[in-house]
Every structure is written in C-alpha cells, then in structure tokens.
C-alpha atoms as a PDB file:
ATOM      1  CA  MET A   1      35.456  -5.931  15.424  1.00  0.00           C
ATOM      2  CA  THR A   2      35.705  -2.132  15.411  1.00  0.00           C
ATOM      3  CA  ASP A   3      32.862   0.309  16.022  1.00  0.00           C
ATOM      4  CA  ASN A   4      32.824   1.100  12.283  1.00  0.00           C
ATOM      5  CA  ASP A   5      32.475  -2.599  11.521  1.00  0.00           C
ATOM      6  CA  GLN A   6      29.493  -2.789  13.893  1.00  0.00           C
ATOM      7  CA  ILE A   7      27.927   0.344  12.427  1.00  0.00           C
ATOM      8  CA  LEU A   8      28.110  -1.110   8.923  1.00  0.00           C
ATOM      9  CA  ALA A   9      27.048  -4.665   9.797  1.00  0.00           C
ATOM     10  CA  LEU A  10      23.995  -5.624   7.739  1.00  0.00           C
ATOM     11  CA  ASP A  11      22.085  -7.032  10.706  1.00  0.00           C
ATOM     12  CA  ASN A  12      22.486  -3.713  12.546  1.00  0.00           C
ATOM     13  CA  GLN A  13      20.741  -1.718   9.800  1.00  0.00           C
ATOM     14  CA  ILE A  14      17.123  -0.730  10.405  1.00  0.00           C
ATOM     15  CA  CYS A  15      16.750  -0.272   6.652  1.00  0.00           C
ATOM     16  CA  PHE A  16      17.568  -3.939   6.084  1.00  0.00           C
ATOM     17  CA  ALA A  17      15.182  -5.115   8.809  1.00  0.00           C
ATOM     18  CA  LEU A  18      12.387  -3.051   7.218  1.00  0.00           C
ATOM     19  CA  TYR A  19      13.310  -4.227   3.707  1.00  0.00           C
ATOM     20  CA  ALA A  20      13.394  -7.907   4.696  1.00  0.00           C
ATOM     21  CA  ALA A  21      10.149  -7.635   6.670  1.00  0.00           C
ATOM     22  CA  ASN A  22       8.468  -5.896   3.721  1.00  0.00           C
ATOM     23  CA  ARG A  23       9.551  -8.674   1.357  1.00  0.00           C
ATOM     24  CA  ALA A  24       8.333 -11.358   3.787  1.00  0.00           C
ATOM     25  CA  VAL A  25       4.940  -9.688   4.240  1.00  0.00           C
ATOM     26  CA  THR A  26       4.531  -9.205   0.491  1.00  0.00           C
ATOM     27  CA  ALA A  27       5.436 -12.870  -0.115  1.00  0.00           C
ATOM     28  CA  ARG A  28       2.826 -13.935   2.436  1.00  0.00           C
ATOM     29  CA  TYR A  29       0.187 -11.821   0.666  1.00  0.00           C
ATOM     30  CA  ARG A  30       1.066 -13.123  -2.813  1.00  0.00           C
ATOM     31  CA  PRO A  31      -0.944 -16.398  -2.851  1.00  0.00           C
ATOM     32  CA  LEU A  32      -3.958 -14.731  -1.239  1.00  0.00           C
ATOM     33  CA  LEU A  33      -3.945 -11.903  -3.765  1.00  0.00           C
ATOM     34  CA  GLU A  34      -3.387 -14.240  -6.718  1.00  0.00           C
ATOM     35  CA  GLU A  35      -6.832 -15.663  -5.921  1.00  0.00           C
ATOM     36  CA  LEU A  36      -8.197 -12.144  -6.481  1.00  0.00           C
ATOM     37  CA  GLY A  37      -6.076 -11.546  -9.560  1.00  0.00           C
ATOM     38  CA  LEU A  38      -4.254  -8.672  -7.855  1.00  0.00           C
ATOM     39  CA  THR A  39      -0.646  -7.816  -7.235  1.00  0.00           C
ATOM     40  CA  TYR A  40       0.273  -6.330  -3.867  1.00  0.00           C
ATOM     41  CA  PRO A  41       0.479  -2.735  -5.224  1.00  0.00           C
ATOM     42  CA  GLN A  42      -2.885  -3.211  -6.964  1.00  0.00           C
ATOM     43  CA  TYR A  43      -4.343  -4.464  -3.669  1.00  0.00           C
ATOM     44  CA  LEU A  44      -3.146  -1.285  -1.948  1.00  0.00           C
ATOM     45  CA  VAL A  45      -4.842   0.820  -4.640  1.00  0.00           C
ATOM     46  CA  MET A  46      -8.047  -1.151  -4.202  1.00  0.00           C
ATOM     47  CA  LEU A  47      -7.927  -0.754  -0.404  1.00  0.00           C
ATOM     48  CA  VAL A  48      -7.868   3.030  -0.848  1.00  0.00           C
ATOM     49  CA  MET A  49     -10.606   2.885  -3.473  1.00  0.00           C
ATOM     50  CA  TRP A  50     -12.864   0.708  -1.278  1.00  0.00           C
ATOM     51  CA  GLU A  51     -12.337   3.065   1.637  1.00  0.00           C
ATOM     52  CA  ALA A  52     -13.145   6.122  -0.503  1.00  0.00           C
ATOM     53  CA  ASP A  53     -16.215   4.419  -1.974  1.00  0.00           C
ATOM     54  CA  ARG A  54     -17.488   3.515   1.502  1.00  0.00           C
ATOM     55  CA  GLU A  55     -17.067   7.164   2.536  1.00  0.00           C
ATOM     56  CA  GLY A  56     -18.739   8.471  -0.635  1.00  0.00           C
ATOM     57  CA  ILE A  57     -15.524  10.114  -1.849  1.00  0.00           C
ATOM     58  CA  LYS A  58     -14.430  10.164  -5.479  1.00  0.00           C
ATOM     59  CA  PRO A  59     -10.639  10.381  -5.211  1.00  0.00           C
ATOM     60  CA  ARG A  60      -8.367  11.970  -7.740  1.00  0.00           C
ATOM     61  CA  VAL A  61      -5.248  10.217  -8.988  1.00  0.00           C
ATOM     62  CA  SER A  62      -3.185  12.771  -7.067  1.00  0.00           C
ATOM     63  CA  ASP A  63      -5.076  11.902  -3.842  1.00  0.00           C
ATOM     64  CA  LEU A  64      -4.360   8.229  -4.371  1.00  0.00           C
ATOM     65  CA  GLY A  65      -0.690   8.933  -5.058  1.00  0.00           C
ATOM     66  CA  ALA A  66      -0.380  10.991  -1.889  1.00  0.00           C
ATOM     67  CA  ARG A  67      -2.109   8.352   0.219  1.00  0.00           C
ATOM     68  CA  LEU A  68       0.044   5.508  -1.138  1.00  0.00           C
ATOM     69  CA  ARG A  69       3.173   7.666  -1.388  1.00  0.00           C
ATOM     70  CA  LEU A  70       3.546   6.790  -5.070  1.00  0.00           C
ATOM     71  CA  ASP A  71       4.451   9.074  -7.941  1.00  0.00           C
ATOM     72  CA  SER A  72       2.338   9.241 -11.083  1.00  0.00           C
ATOM     73  CA  GLY A  73       4.918   7.254 -13.070  1.00  0.00           C
ATOM     74  CA  THR A  74       4.373   4.307 -10.744  1.00  0.00           C
ATOM     75  CA  LEU A  75       0.650   4.821 -10.204  1.00  0.00           C
ATOM     76  CA  THR A  76      -0.459   5.270 -13.823  1.00  0.00           C
ATOM     77  CA  PRO A  77       0.426   1.737 -15.006  1.00  0.00           C
ATOM     78  CA  LEU A  78      -1.234   0.259 -11.893  1.00  0.00           C
ATOM     79  CA  LEU A  79      -4.426   2.197 -12.570  1.00  0.00           C
ATOM     80  CA  LYS A  80      -4.347   1.307 -16.258  1.00  0.00           C
ATOM     81  CA  ARG A  81      -4.204  -2.421 -15.461  1.00  0.00           C
ATOM     82  CA  LEU A  82      -7.025  -2.117 -12.905  1.00  0.00           C
ATOM     83  CA  GLU A  83      -9.084  -0.188 -15.448  1.00  0.00           C
ATOM     84  CA  GLN A  84      -8.440  -2.883 -18.083  1.00  0.00           C
ATOM     85  CA  ARG A  85      -9.822  -5.409 -15.605  1.00  0.00           C
ATOM     86  CA  ASP A  86     -12.909  -3.195 -15.172  1.00  0.00           C
ATOM     87  CA  LEU A  87     -12.263  -2.672 -11.447  1.00  0.00           C
ATOM     88  CA  LEU A  88     -12.101   1.114 -11.649  1.00  0.00           C
ATOM     89  CA  GLN A  89     -12.521   3.942 -14.118  1.00  0.00           C
ATOM     90  CA  ARG A  90     -10.414   7.025 -14.699  1.00  0.00           C
ATOM     91  CA  ALA A  91     -11.894  10.204 -16.132  1.00  0.00           C
ATOM     92  CA  ARG A  92     -10.742  13.778 -16.501  1.00  0.00           C
ATOM     93  CA  LEU A  93     -12.855  16.155 -14.451  1.00  0.00           C
ATOM     94  CA  ALA A  94     -15.105  18.473 -16.456  1.00  0.00           C
ATOM     95  CA  GLU A  95     -14.250  21.436 -14.204  1.00  0.00           C
ATOM     96  CA  ASP A  96     -10.492  20.907 -14.596  1.00  0.00           C
ATOM     97  CA  GLU A  97      -9.300  18.603 -17.354  1.00  0.00           C
ATOM     98  CA  ARG A  98      -5.813  18.477 -15.831  1.00  0.00           C
ATOM     99  CA  VAL A  99      -7.241  16.451 -12.937  1.00  0.00           C
ATOM    100  CA  VAL A 100      -8.078  12.756 -13.299  1.00  0.00           C
ATOM    101  CA  GLY A 101     -10.788  11.361 -11.062  1.00  0.00           C
ATOM    102  CA  LEU A 102     -11.302   7.736 -10.102  1.00  0.00           C
ATOM    103  CA  ARG A 103     -14.336   5.639  -9.339  1.00  0.00           C
ATOM    104  CA  LEU A 104     -14.951   1.994  -8.609  1.00  0.00           C
ATOM    105  CA  THR A 105     -16.940  -0.092 -11.043  1.00  0.00           C
ATOM    106  CA  ASN A 106     -19.484  -2.667  -9.923  1.00  0.00           C
ATOM    107  CA  ALA A 107     -16.818  -5.342 -10.438  1.00  0.00           C
ATOM    108  CA  GLY A 108     -14.450  -3.345  -8.235  1.00  0.00           C
ATOM    109  CA  ARG A 109     -17.069  -3.148  -5.508  1.00  0.00           C
ATOM    110  CA  ALA A 110     -17.797  -6.878  -5.813  1.00  0.00           C
ATOM    111  CA  LEU A 111     -14.114  -7.696  -5.410  1.00  0.00           C
ATOM    112  CA  ARG A 112     -14.183  -6.032  -1.983  1.00  0.00           C
ATOM    113  CA  ALA A 113     -16.375  -8.817  -0.604  1.00  0.00           C
ATOM    114  CA  LYS A 114     -13.924 -11.430  -1.901  1.00  0.00           C
ATOM    115  CA  ALA A 115     -10.990  -9.539  -0.385  1.00  0.00           C
ATOM    116  CA  ALA A 116     -12.572  -9.205   3.052  1.00  0.00           C
ATOM    117  CA  ASN A 117     -10.971 -12.432   4.285  1.00  0.00           C
ATOM    118  CA  VAL A 118      -7.424 -11.552   3.173  1.00  0.00           C
ATOM    119  CA  PRO A 119      -6.270  -9.869   6.422  1.00  0.00           C
ATOM    120  CA  GLY A 120      -7.537 -12.730   8.585  1.00  0.00           C
ATOM    121  CA  ARG A 121      -6.068 -15.397   6.322  1.00  0.00           C
ATOM    122  CA  LEU A 122      -2.771 -13.529   6.285  1.00  0.00           C
ATOM    123  CA  MET A 123      -2.520 -13.741  10.070  1.00  0.00           C
ATOM    124  CA  CYS A 124      -3.698 -17.352  10.280  1.00  0.00           C
ATOM    125  CA  GLY A 125      -0.918 -19.566  11.563  1.00  0.00           C
ATOM    126  CA  LEU A 126       1.241 -16.709  12.795  1.00  0.00           C
ATOM    127  CA  ASP A 127       2.133 -16.943  16.462  1.00  0.00           C
ATOM    128  CA  ILE A 128       1.891 -13.246  17.242  1.00  0.00           C
ATOM    129  CA  GLU A 129      -0.490 -11.409  19.532  1.00  0.00           C
ATOM    130  CA  PRO A 130      -2.834  -8.883  17.855  1.00  0.00           C
ATOM    131  CA  GLU A 131      -1.801  -6.260  20.438  1.00  0.00           C
ATOM    132  CA  ARG A 132       1.827  -6.684  19.394  1.00  0.00           C
ATOM    133  CA  LEU A 133       0.881  -6.127  15.745  1.00  0.00           C
ATOM    134  CA  LEU A 134      -1.103  -3.003  16.620  1.00  0.00           C
ATOM    135  CA  SER A 135       1.848  -1.683  18.586  1.00  0.00           C
ATOM    136  CA  LEU A 136       4.238  -2.450  15.742  1.00  0.00           C
ATOM    137  CA  ARG A 137       1.952  -0.722  13.234  1.00  0.00           C
ATOM    138  CA  GLN A 138       1.869   2.382  15.436  1.00  0.00           C
ATOM    139  CA  GLU A 139       5.661   2.351  15.798  1.00  0.00           C
ATOM    140  CA  LEU A 140       6.057   2.094  12.025  1.00  0.00           C
ATOM    141  CA  ARG A 141       3.611   4.970  11.493  1.00  0.00           C
ATOM    142  CA  SER A 142       5.581   7.064  13.970  1.00  0.00           C
ATOM    143  CA  LEU A 143       8.830   6.219  12.197  1.00  0.00           C
ATOM    144  CA  LEU A 144       7.277   7.131   8.848  1.00  0.00           C
ATOM    145  CA  GLU A 145       6.109  10.482  10.206  1.00  0.00           C
ATOM    146  CA  VAL A 146       9.583  11.248  11.548  1.00  0.00           C
ATOM    147  CA  LEU A 147      11.211  10.255   8.261  1.00  0.00           C
ATOM    148  CA  GLU A 148       8.791  12.288   6.160  1.00  0.00           C
ATOM    149  CA  THR A 149       9.120  15.434   8.258  1.00  0.00           C
ATOM    150  CA  ALA A 150      12.886  15.280   8.910  1.00  0.00           C
ATOM    151  CA  GLU A 151      15.248  17.575   7.070  1.00  0.00           C
ATOM    152  CA  PRO A 152      17.098  15.835   4.248  1.00  0.00           C
ATOM    153  CA  SER A 153      20.416  14.490   5.490  1.00  0.00           C
ATOM    154  CA  GLU A 154      23.639  16.061   4.350  1.00  0.00           C
ATOM    155  CA  ARG A 155      25.206  14.553   1.292  1.00  0.00           C
END
C-alpha cells in the first residue's frame, strides 16, 4: 500500500471517526429522547433554553443559533415545532422587530425535570471512566476552537 493509499484510507480519516461517533451517540440518545417527545436537535435547543432560563436570560434566536452553530434555516423549523408543542415561545422584540426573542413556557420548564436523568441513563452500561469522557470532551472543544479559528483551506 502506498502513502497515498494510507492517506485516503477511510479508517485513517478523523472526519469519519467523528462522523461515526456522532451517529453512535445520537442513536444512543434516541430512545431516551423519544420518551420526552424530542429529537436530538430539539434536545440541544432545550438544553440551551433551560440554561438561559436558569440564568435569567431571554435569548434571541440569533444567540441560540450561535451557541448551537446552526443557521436560521435549520433553527427556524426546530423552534416552530417546539413552539407548536408549547415548550417555548418566539416573539419579535418591541425595541427591534427584526430580532426574535425566545422564552420557555411552563411546559418547557416542566420538561427539564423529566430530562434531568437523560445524561446519567445515557452513560449507564458504558464501560468508560468519567475522567476519560471529560478529557475527550475537552479535546473535542479544543479541536472545534482550532477548526473555527483556522484560515479556510485552499481550494
């Protein structure tokens, strides 16, 4: 096998390792989130909303998009479905009607208590040390920071 063959081998690609791990994690979340009536992306939105609510912050849609690294075309349908379920409300701000603010409803707050056991249940049965997971999370955050601040590669 040549060096070029090794370079292009699927199992040598960090992108594939990240992609496969992401799919496996999402699949592990799926049955837990189905009990809450949430998809994985909706769960991420709710995590941000619960955090903001706990801190007394009323986020804007643009804040949520930045935090989740989602564009408005992806975020709007997610928010619409969560609003239809009465978990959050969207409203244009009086001081600037171009800006859409978000707030949890009582049902959205109540769902937080039901979701509190999801992280623990997700890890149940996995033979992995918590310290290793914390280290991995930090490594992934570092990689994300490098990727987001790096110059675009040549085309």
